[in-house]
Amino acid sequence: MKNVIVGQSGGPTSVINASLLGVFKTAKDRGADIVYGMVHGIKGLLDKDVVDLSKQIKNDLDMDLLKRTPSSFLGSCRYKLPAIEGNEKTYDQIFATLKELDIYAFFYIGGNDSMDTIDKLSRYGKKIGSPIRFMGCPKTIDNDLAITDHTPGYGSAAKYIAATTKEIIRDGLVYDYPVVSVIEVMGRNAGWLTAAAALAKGEDCEGVDMIYLPERVFDVDAFVKKTGEMLKENRSIVIAVSEGVKVADGRYVCELADHVDYVDAFGHKQLAGTARYLAGKVAEKYGVKTRAIELSSLQRCAAHITSRIDVTEAFNSAGAAVKAAFEGKTGMVACLKRVSEDPYMCITELANVSDIANVEKKVPAEWITKDGTYVTPELIHYIRPLIQSEITPLWVDGLPRHLRLVK
């Protein structure tokens, strides 16, 4: 008997369920008897909250719906496994549950923190001589995982950001008086998402005026001054800024106005209010109309505008993880490797999870302009293939139909 188990962790994406489907379908095709799903990730496993996915995904229609359903079908968590040393009871509990379920392979879909979970479980498994294989399936809209060319989830979020930015630019030009729009994009320490706003520029769109990434120190006074200079020449100014931009003393810009109280299990502060703070500064200085636009969770759950490339790669990379596990691999991640630019093509390759866990991949310095207010053509060229083509929702009564977990 070869039972497998899969979980989803961290912030969701609009294609994370395509990865889930990749694990489920590939495992079943390779002879898995039961594919279990952890409800709310590793925390659900600790609580013995698991479901048989065959009872949730019953036919081809369910599969089509699942890959078009945003967010994490199984639910997510931000639960940090403790260090192995001194916490063996926690790991013994996990492995006892896996043995009880007769698990052959364990798959975890997630980002940096999720790969930390795979790293710890695979190391403890080797320590106690467990035959269970542990594999990571990359996921994060932030695109900040090391080694992989990009992460499933990023392309669709980039597509939403670029498309929405184009619409905001059009809206800003409606009136005959100045309007400054500041768009706040997710991205704590890496600016990949915010950089996608640059794709809005084209023959039908003027594009954003400035882009600020967290890879560069942010100067509030310089920002206000440059905005004022642009207002002398343009009626509408649109600026994209990462939520995680910091000033010289290390504080997030959003902390300049509001005290940030919430911190998750991995020590991450909740970031919000960057656009609101900067828009207020501009309004105060120049007396013009400003708009603070937070894309917030919309950029990670807009499944009606997913990239077909993204869906396909999410499914394929998860399938590659299953294939590798069934061939005896463990402690690895199925990454994407770009092998061709024109035409664009990515293949999957395996990397050691220890080389990925807790490592952040940031936007290279050479892909940001010298003044730190825009990105270079090389970065735009890197992103553009990832947003291509669409996957049409299944519309019912005028709205997209989703698949729901039923317990």
Foldseek 3Di string as FASTA:
>chain_A
DAEAEEEEADWWFQQLLLLVLLQVVLCVVVPHDFYKYQQAPPVSLLVVNIDGCCVQQVDPVQSLQRRLATDTQRHYYQDADDQCPPPVVSLVSNVVSCVVVVHQEYEYEEAQRRLVVQLRNLVVCVVVVNNYFYEYEYDDLQQWWPPFLGGQRVLFLLLVLCVVLLVVQVVLPPDPAAEEEEEEDEHAQAFLSQQSQQVNDDPVGPGADWTFTQVDADDLVVVLVVVVVVVVPDRYHYYYYYLNHHHPVGDGQQCVPDPFDDADPVRDTDTDCNQVSSQVVNCVVPVGHYHYHYCPCVSRRVSQQGAPLSSVVSSQQSNVRNVVSVVRHHQWGWHWDFDDLVVTDIDTDIDHSVVGHPGTHHDDPQQADPVNTHGDVVSVSSNVVSRHDHDHADDDPRHGDHRHDDD
